Amino acid sequence: MRKTRTTLSLLSIFPHLARLLGSLFYLWLTLDWKVRKTRRAFEKELIKQGMSKEDAKRLSAQYTILRNNLMSGLIRSMRS
């Protein structure tokens, strides 16, 4: 009886876990796309204001660094 309940409890977790992992994967995909889009728009605005292209790229790289820090923090929190 006890083994059956434990098995059923574990099996009921899998749909929720699959949904959570799917949501996290979707978040990862959309975050990556939005960071690229934001980075390009930021570079265009800086160049439009008279900044050199190299400096604009260097400044917009901070968006990618921020995204990487965010994702590594999320992964660290899931591991512990």
PDB file of N, CA and C in Angstrom:
ATOM      1  N   MET A   1       0.821  -1.194   0.000  1.00  0.00           N
ATOM      2  CA  MET A   1       0.000   0.000   0.000  1.00  0.00           C
ATOM      3  C   MET A   1       0.865   1.258   0.000  1.00  0.00           C
ATOM      4  N   ARG A   2       1.882   1.241   0.842  1.00  0.00           N
ATOM      5  CA  ARG A   2       2.753   2.412   0.950  1.00  0.00           C
ATOM      6  C   ARG A   2       3.545   2.648  -0.332  1.00  0.00           C
ATOM      7  N   LYS A   3       4.009   1.556  -0.952  1.00  0.00           N
ATOM      8  CA  LYS A   3       4.767   1.685  -2.197  1.00  0.00           C
ATOM      9  C   LYS A   3       3.889   2.236  -3.324  1.00  0.00           C
ATOM     10  N   THR A   4       2.646   1.839  -3.340  1.00  0.00           N
ATOM     11  CA  THR A   4       1.724   2.308  -4.369  1.00  0.00           C
ATOM     12  C   THR A   4       1.490   3.808  -4.248  1.00  0.00           C
ATOM     13  N   ARG A   5       1.295   4.278  -3.013  1.00  0.00           N
ATOM     14  CA  ARG A   5       1.092   5.716  -2.810  1.00  0.00           C
ATOM     15  C   ARG A   5       2.330   6.508  -3.205  1.00  0.00           C
ATOM     16  N   THR A   6       3.492   5.999  -2.831  1.00  0.00           N
ATOM     17  CA  THR A   6       4.734   6.687  -3.176  1.00  0.00           C
ATOM     18  C   THR A   6       4.914   6.740  -4.687  1.00  0.00           C
ATOM     19  N   THR A   7       4.630   5.647  -5.346  1.00  0.00           N
ATOM     20  CA  THR A   7       4.760   5.595  -6.796  1.00  0.00           C
ATOM     21  C   THR A   7       3.773   6.555  -7.459  1.00  0.00           C
ATOM     22  N   LEU A   8       2.551   6.581  -6.994  1.00  0.00           N
ATOM     23  CA  LEU A   8       1.561   7.491  -7.568  1.00  0.00           C
ATOM     24  C   LEU A   8       1.933   8.943  -7.308  1.00  0.00           C
ATOM     25  N   SER A   9       2.484   9.222  -6.144  1.00  0.00           N
ATOM     26  CA  SER A   9       2.907  10.586  -5.836  1.00  0.00           C
ATOM     27  C   SER A   9       4.029  11.024  -6.768  1.00  0.00           C
ATOM     28  N   LEU A  10       4.979  10.129  -6.985  1.00  0.00           N
ATOM     29  CA  LEU A  10       6.089  10.455  -7.882  1.00  0.00           C
ATOM     30  C   LEU A  10       5.610  10.641  -9.315  1.00  0.00           C
ATOM     31  N   LEU A  11       4.681   9.815  -9.747  1.00  0.00           N
ATOM     32  CA  LEU A  11       4.167   9.937 -11.116  1.00  0.00           C
ATOM     33  C   LEU A  11       3.364  11.225 -11.311  1.00  0.00           C
ATOM     34  N   SER A  12       2.719  11.698 -10.262  1.00  0.00           N
ATOM     35  CA  SER A  12       1.941  12.927 -10.396  1.00  0.00           C
ATOM     36  C   SER A  12       2.840  14.163 -10.477  1.00  0.00           C
ATOM     37  N   ILE A  13       4.089  14.024 -10.092  1.00  0.00           N
ATOM     38  CA  ILE A  13       5.037  15.139 -10.144  1.00  0.00           C
ATOM     39  C   ILE A  13       5.499  15.405 -11.579  1.00  0.00           C
ATOM     40  N   PHE A  14       5.611  14.369 -12.391  1.00  0.00           N
ATOM     41  CA  PHE A  14       6.203  14.499 -13.718  1.00  0.00           C
ATOM     42  C   PHE A  14       5.500  15.500 -14.638  1.00  0.00           C
ATOM     43  N   PRO A  15       4.178  15.545 -14.701  1.00  0.00           N
ATOM     44  CA  PRO A  15       3.560  16.565 -15.569  1.00  0.00           C
ATOM     45  C   PRO A  15       3.883  17.996 -15.128  1.00  0.00           C
ATOM     46  N   HIS A  16       3.923  18.209 -13.818  1.00  0.00           N
ATOM     47  CA  HIS A  16       4.248  19.537 -13.306  1.00  0.00           C
ATOM     48  C   HIS A  16       5.706  19.896 -13.592  1.00  0.00           C
ATOM     49  N   LEU A  17       6.568  18.918 -13.443  1.00  0.00           N
ATOM     50  CA  LEU A  17       7.984  19.134 -13.721  1.00  0.00           C
ATOM     51  C   LEU A  17       8.208  19.404 -15.203  1.00  0.00           C
ATOM     52  N   ALA A  18       7.516  18.683 -16.060  1.00  0.00           N
ATOM     53  CA  ALA A  18       7.643  18.903 -17.508  1.00  0.00           C
ATOM     54  C   ALA A  18       7.148  20.298 -17.883  1.00  0.00           C
ATOM     55  N   ARG A  19       6.049  20.726 -17.273  1.00  0.00           N
ATOM     56  CA  ARG A  19       5.530  22.066 -17.550  1.00  0.00           C
ATOM     57  C   ARG A  19       6.508  23.138 -17.080  1.00  0.00           C
ATOM     58  N   LEU A  20       7.091  22.949 -15.903  1.00  0.00           N
ATOM     59  CA  LEU A  20       8.066  23.902 -15.381  1.00  0.00           C
ATOM     60  C   LEU A  20       9.291  23.990 -16.279  1.00  0.00           C
ATOM     61  N   LEU A  21       9.808  22.848 -16.698  1.00  0.00           N
ATOM     62  CA  LEU A  21      10.976  22.847 -17.580  1.00  0.00           C
ATOM     63  C   LEU A  21      10.652  23.468 -18.937  1.00  0.00           C
ATOM     64  N   GLY A  22       9.457  23.220 -19.443  1.00  0.00           N
ATOM     65  CA  GLY A  22       9.038  23.847 -20.698  1.00  0.00           C
ATOM     66  C   GLY A  22       8.956  25.359 -20.575  1.00  0.00           C
ATOM     67  N   SER A  23       8.432  25.818 -19.453  1.00  0.00           N
ATOM     68  CA  SER A  23       8.339  27.268 -19.224  1.00  0.00           C
ATOM     69  C   SER A  23       9.728  27.893 -19.117  1.00  0.00           C
ATOM     70  N   LEU A  24      10.638  27.216 -18.435  1.00  0.00           N
ATOM     71  CA  LEU A  24      12.002  27.738 -18.308  1.00  0.00           C
ATOM     72  C   LEU A  24      12.708  27.773 -19.658  1.00  0.00           C
ATOM     73  N   PHE A  25      12.483  26.760 -20.477  1.00  0.00           N
ATOM     74  CA  PHE A  25      13.078  26.735 -21.813  1.00  0.00           C
ATOM     75  C   PHE A  25      12.528  27.877 -22.665  1.00  0.00           C
ATOM     76  N   TYR A  26      11.223  28.119 -22.597  1.00  0.00           N
ATOM     77  CA  TYR A  26      10.601  29.225 -23.326  1.00  0.00           C
ATOM     78  C   TYR A  26      11.155  30.560 -22.840  1.00  0.00           C
ATOM     79  N   LEU A  27      11.326  30.687 -21.539  1.00  0.00           N
ATOM     80  CA  LEU A  27      11.903  31.905 -20.973  1.00  0.00           C
ATOM     81  C   LEU A  27      13.311  32.131 -21.507  1.00  0.00           C
ATOM     82  N   TRP A  28      14.104  31.070 -21.558  1.00  0.00           N
ATOM     83  CA  TRP A  28      15.476  31.165 -22.052  1.00  0.00           C
ATOM     84  C   TRP A  28      15.496  31.608 -23.525  1.00  0.00           C
ATOM     85  N   LEU A  29      14.614  31.025 -24.326  1.00  0.00           N
ATOM     86  CA  LEU A  29      14.570  31.388 -25.752  1.00  0.00           C
ATOM     87  C   LEU A  29      14.135  32.824 -25.957  1.00  0.00           C
ATOM     88  N   THR A  30      13.074  33.238 -25.286  1.00  0.00           N
ATOM     89  CA  THR A  30      12.580  34.594 -25.494  1.00  0.00           C
ATOM     90  C   THR A  30      13.521  35.629 -24.898  1.00  0.00           C
ATOM     91  N   LEU A  31      14.162  35.302 -23.797  1.00  0.00           N
ATOM     92  CA  LEU A  31      15.106  36.241 -23.197  1.00  0.00           C
ATOM     93  C   LEU A  31      16.277  36.483 -24.132  1.00  0.00           C
ATOM     94  N   ASP A  32      16.772  35.429 -24.734  1.00  0.00           N
ATOM     95  CA  ASP A  32      17.887  35.562 -25.672  1.00  0.00           C
ATOM     96  C   ASP A  32      17.486  36.439 -26.861  1.00  0.00           C
ATOM     97  N   TRP A  33      16.298  36.211 -27.412  1.00  0.00           N
ATOM     98  CA  TRP A  33      15.827  36.993 -28.555  1.00  0.00           C
ATOM     99  C   TRP A  33      15.624  38.458 -28.172  1.00  0.00           C
ATOM    100  N   LYS A  34      15.043  38.699 -27.012  1.00  0.00           N
ATOM    101  CA  LYS A  34      14.771  40.076 -26.582  1.00  0.00           C
ATOM    102  C   LYS A  34      16.057  40.834 -26.271  1.00  0.00           C
ATOM    103  N   VAL A  35      17.058  40.139 -25.737  1.00  0.00           N
ATOM    104  CA  VAL A  35      18.335  40.804 -25.463  1.00  0.00           C
ATOM    105  C   VAL A  35      19.003  41.206 -26.774  1.00  0.00           C
ATOM    106  N   ARG A  36      18.980  40.336 -27.769  1.00  0.00           N
ATOM    107  CA  ARG A  36      19.556  40.686 -29.071  1.00  0.00           C
ATOM    108  C   ARG A  36      18.847  41.882 -29.701  1.00  0.00           C
ATOM    109  N   LYS A  37      17.527  41.870 -29.622  1.00  0.00           N
ATOM    110  CA  LYS A  37      16.737  42.958 -30.198  1.00  0.00           C
ATOM    111  C   LYS A  37      17.021  44.278 -29.464  1.00  0.00           C
ATOM    112  N   THR A  38      17.075  44.227 -28.148  1.00  0.00           N
ATOM    113  CA  THR A  38      17.356  45.417 -27.345  1.00  0.00           C
ATOM    114  C   THR A  38      18.765  45.933 -27.597  1.00  0.00           C
ATOM    115  N   ARG A  39      19.693  45.006 -27.713  1.00  0.00           N
ATOM    116  CA  ARG A  39      21.082  45.392 -27.947  1.00  0.00           C
ATOM    117  C   ARG A  39      21.234  46.129 -29.281  1.00  0.00           C
ATOM    118  N   ARG A  40      20.594  45.599 -30.316  1.00  0.00           N
ATOM    119  CA  ARG A  40      20.661  46.259 -31.626  1.00  0.00           C
ATOM    120  C   ARG A  40      20.028  47.641 -31.603  1.00  0.00           C
ATOM    121  N   ALA A  41      18.884  47.753 -30.940  1.00  0.00           N
ATOM    122  CA  ALA A  41      18.204  49.052 -30.869  1.00  0.00           C
ATOM    123  C   ALA A  41      19.045  50.058 -30.090  1.00  0.00           C
ATOM    124  N   PHE A  42      19.680  49.603 -29.022  1.00  0.00           N
ATOM    125  CA  PHE A  42      20.528  50.478 -28.213  1.00  0.00           C
ATOM    126  C   PHE A  42      21.728  50.956 -29.030  1.00  0.00           C
ATOM    127  N   GLU A  43      22.349  50.042 -29.775  1.00  0.00           N
ATOM    128  CA  GLU A  43      23.482  50.420 -30.626  1.00  0.00           C
ATOM    129  C   GLU A  43      23.062  51.452 -31.672  1.00  0.00           C
ATOM    130  N   LYS A  44      21.913  51.234 -32.309  1.00  0.00           N
ATOM    131  CA  LYS A  44      21.443  52.173 -33.332  1.00  0.00           C
ATOM    132  C   LYS A  44      21.222  53.562 -32.748  1.00  0.00           C
ATOM    133  N   GLU A  45      20.635  53.621 -31.563  1.00  0.00           N
ATOM    134  CA  GLU A  45      20.390  54.919 -30.928  1.00  0.00           C
ATOM    135  C   GLU A  45      21.702  55.617 -30.576  1.00  0.00           C
ATOM    136  N   LEU A  46      22.669  54.880 -30.077  1.00  0.00           N
ATOM    137  CA  LEU A  46      23.955  55.488 -29.734  1.00  0.00           C
ATOM    138  C   LEU A  46      24.666  55.998 -30.978  1.00  0.00           C
ATOM    139  N   ILE A  47      24.623  55.225 -32.042  1.00  0.00           N
ATOM    140  CA  ILE A  47      25.257  55.640 -33.296  1.00  0.00           C
ATOM    141  C   ILE A  47      24.542  56.864 -33.861  1.00  0.00           C
ATOM    142  N   LYS A  48      23.214  56.889 -33.737  1.00  0.00           N
ATOM    143  CA  LYS A  48      22.434  58.025 -34.205  1.00  0.00           C
ATOM    144  C   LYS A  48      22.804  59.303 -33.434  1.00  0.00           C
ATOM    145  N   GLN A  49      23.176  59.147 -32.168  1.00  0.00           N
ATOM    146  CA  GLN A  49      23.552  60.294 -31.345  1.00  0.00           C
ATOM    147  C   GLN A  49      25.005  60.725 -31.556  1.00  0.00           C
ATOM    148  N   GLY A  50      25.753  59.987 -32.397  1.00  0.00           N
ATOM    149  CA  GLY A  50      27.095  60.403 -32.756  1.00  0.00           C
ATOM    150  C   GLY A  50      28.214  59.570 -32.164  1.00  0.00           C
ATOM    151  N   MET A  51      27.910  58.496 -31.486  1.00  0.00           N
ATOM    152  CA  MET A  51      28.950  57.647 -30.899  1.00  0.00           C
ATOM    153  C   MET A  51      29.513  56.729 -31.980  1.00  0.00           C
ATOM    154  N   SER A  52      30.778  56.356 -31.834  1.00  0.00           N
ATOM    155  CA  SER A  52      31.376  55.449 -32.821  1.00  0.00           C
ATOM    156  C   SER A  52      30.767  54.053 -32.685  1.00  0.00           C
ATOM    157  N   LYS A  53      30.797  53.313 -33.776  1.00  0.00           N
ATOM    158  CA  LYS A  53      30.178  51.992 -33.806  1.00  0.00           C
ATOM    159  C   LYS A  53      30.842  51.033 -32.819  1.00  0.00           C
ATOM    160  N   GLU A  54      32.161  51.105 -32.695  1.00  0.00           N
ATOM    161  CA  GLU A  54      32.886  50.217 -31.783  1.00  0.00           C
ATOM    162  C   GLU A  54      32.515  50.488 -30.329  1.00  0.00           C
ATOM    163  N   ASP A  55      32.405  51.769 -29.973  1.00  0.00           N
ATOM    164  CA  ASP A  55      32.032  52.110 -28.608  1.00  0.00           C
ATOM    165  C   ASP A  55      30.590  51.705 -28.300  1.00  0.00           C
ATOM    166  N   ALA A  56      29.725  51.862 -29.278  1.00  0.00           N
ATOM    167  CA  ALA A  56      28.329  51.461 -29.091  1.00  0.00           C
ATOM    168  C   ALA A  56      28.233  49.956 -28.871  1.00  0.00           C
ATOM    169  N   LYS A  57      29.010  49.177 -29.619  1.00  0.00           N
ATOM    170  CA  LYS A  57      29.011  47.723 -29.443  1.00  0.00           C
ATOM    171  C   LYS A  57      29.558  47.341 -28.077  1.00  0.00           C
ATOM    172  N   ARG A  58      30.592  48.042 -27.649  1.00  0.00           N
ATOM    173  CA  ARG A  58      31.187  47.755 -26.340  1.00  0.00           C
ATOM    174  C   ARG A  58      30.187  48.023 -25.222  1.00  0.00           C
ATOM    175  N   LEU A  59      29.453  49.129 -25.327  1.00  0.00           N
ATOM    176  CA  LEU A  59      28.453  49.446 -24.307  1.00  0.00           C
ATOM    177  C   LEU A  59      27.263  48.490 -24.346  1.00  0.00           C
ATOM    178  N   SER A  60      26.828  48.124 -25.535  1.00  0.00           N
ATOM    179  CA  SER A  60      25.670  47.237 -25.635  1.00  0.00           C
ATOM    180  C   SER A  60      26.003  45.809 -25.211  1.00  0.00           C
ATOM    181  N   ALA A  61      27.285  45.478 -25.146  1.00  0.00           N
ATOM    182  CA  ALA A  61      27.681  44.148 -24.687  1.00  0.00           C
ATOM    183  C   ALA A  61      27.274  43.929 -23.235  1.00  0.00           C
ATOM    184  N   GLN A  62      27.020  44.994 -22.493  1.00  0.00           N
ATOM    185  CA  GLN A  62      26.604  44.869 -21.097  1.00  0.00           C
ATOM    186  C   GLN A  62      25.249  44.167 -20.988  1.00  0.00           C
ATOM    187  N   TYR A  63      24.386  44.289 -21.988  1.00  0.00           N
ATOM    188  CA  TYR A  63      23.112  43.582 -21.971  1.00  0.00           C
ATOM    189  C   TYR A  63      23.333  42.072 -21.993  1.00  0.00           C
ATOM    190  N   THR A  64      24.276  41.624 -22.799  1.00  0.00           N
ATOM    191  CA  THR A  64      24.575  40.205 -22.884  1.00  0.00           C
ATOM    192  C   THR A  64      25.188  39.711 -21.575  1.00  0.00           C
ATOM    193  N   ILE A  65      26.071  40.509 -20.999  1.00  0.00           N
ATOM    194  CA  ILE A  65      26.677  40.139 -19.724  1.00  0.00           C
ATOM    195  C   ILE A  65      25.613  40.039 -18.637  1.00  0.00           C
ATOM    196  N   LEU A  66      24.683  40.975 -18.632  1.00  0.00           N
ATOM    197  CA  LEU A  66      23.595  40.947 -17.661  1.00  0.00           C
ATOM    198  C   LEU A  66      22.731  39.706 -17.844  1.00  0.00           C
ATOM    199  N   ARG A  67      22.406  39.364 -19.094  1.00  0.00           N
ATOM    200  CA  ARG A  67      21.623  38.156 -19.355  1.00  0.00           C
ATOM    201  C   ARG A  67      22.352  36.908 -18.881  1.00  0.00           C
ATOM    202  N   ASN A  68      23.666  36.838 -19.142  1.00  0.00           N
ATOM    203  CA  ASN A  68      24.443  35.682 -18.704  1.00  0.00           C
ATOM    204  C   ASN A  68      24.462  35.577 -17.185  1.00  0.00           C
ATOM    205  N   ASN A  69      24.599  36.704 -16.497  1.00  0.00           N
ATOM    206  CA  ASN A  69      24.582  36.685 -15.037  1.00  0.00           C
ATOM    207  C   ASN A  69      23.223  36.243 -14.504  1.00  0.00           C
ATOM    208  N   LEU A  70      22.174  36.701 -15.151  1.00  0.00           N
ATOM    209  CA  LEU A  70      20.829  36.322 -14.743  1.00  0.00           C
ATOM    210  C   LEU A  70      20.610  34.828 -14.912  1.00  0.00           C
ATOM    211  N   MET A  71      21.005  34.296 -16.048  1.00  0.00           N
ATOM    212  CA  MET A  71      20.807  32.869 -16.294  1.00  0.00           C
ATOM    213  C   MET A  71      21.680  32.007 -15.386  1.00  0.00           C
ATOM    214  N   SER A  72      22.915  32.419 -15.126  1.00  0.00           N
ATOM    215  CA  SER A  72      23.762  31.627 -14.231  1.00  0.00           C
ATOM    216  C   SER A  72      23.226  31.668 -12.806  1.00  0.00           C
ATOM    217  N   GLY A  73      22.666  32.802 -12.385  1.00  0.00           N
ATOM    218  CA  GLY A  73      22.054  32.873 -11.062  1.00  0.00           C
ATOM    219  C   GLY A  73      20.842  31.972 -10.955  1.00  0.00           C
ATOM    220  N   LEU A  74      20.041  31.902 -12.024  1.00  0.00           N
ATOM    221  CA  LEU A  74      18.882  31.025 -12.040  1.00  0.00           C
ATOM    222  C   LEU A  74      19.312  29.564 -11.973  1.00  0.00           C
ATOM    223  N   ILE A  75      20.334  29.223 -12.712  1.00  0.00           N
ATOM    224  CA  ILE A  75      20.819  27.838 -12.706  1.00  0.00           C
ATOM    225  C   ILE A  75      21.390  27.477 -11.341  1.00  0.00           C
ATOM    226  N   ARG A  76      22.140  28.398 -10.734  1.00  0.00           N
ATOM    227  CA  ARG A  76      22.689  28.151  -9.395  1.00  0.00           C
ATOM    228  C   ARG A  76      21.584  27.940  -8.365  1.00  0.00           C
ATOM    229  N   SER A  77      20.525  28.738  -8.466  1.00  0.00           N
ATOM    230  CA  SER A  77      19.430  28.601  -7.501  1.00  0.00           C
ATOM    231  C   SER A  77      18.680  27.278  -7.690  1.00  0.00           C
ATOM    232  N   MET A  78      18.638  26.767  -8.907  1.00  0.00           N
ATOM    233  CA  MET A  78      17.969  25.493  -9.139  1.00  0.00           C
ATOM    234  C   MET A  78      18.809  24.330  -8.637  1.00  0.00           C
ATOM    235  N   ARG A  79      20.118  24.458  -8.666  1.00  0.00           N
ATOM    236  CA  ARG A  79      20.996  23.378  -8.215  1.00  0.00           C
ATOM    237  C   ARG A  79      21.019  23.223  -6.705  1.00  0.00           C
ATOM    238  N   SER A  80      20.857  24.325  -6.003  1.00  0.00           N
ATOM    239  CA  SER A  80      20.924  24.216  -4.541  1.00  0.00           C
ATOM    240  C   SER A  80      19.578  24.126  -3.896  1.00  0.00           C
TER     241      SER A  80
END
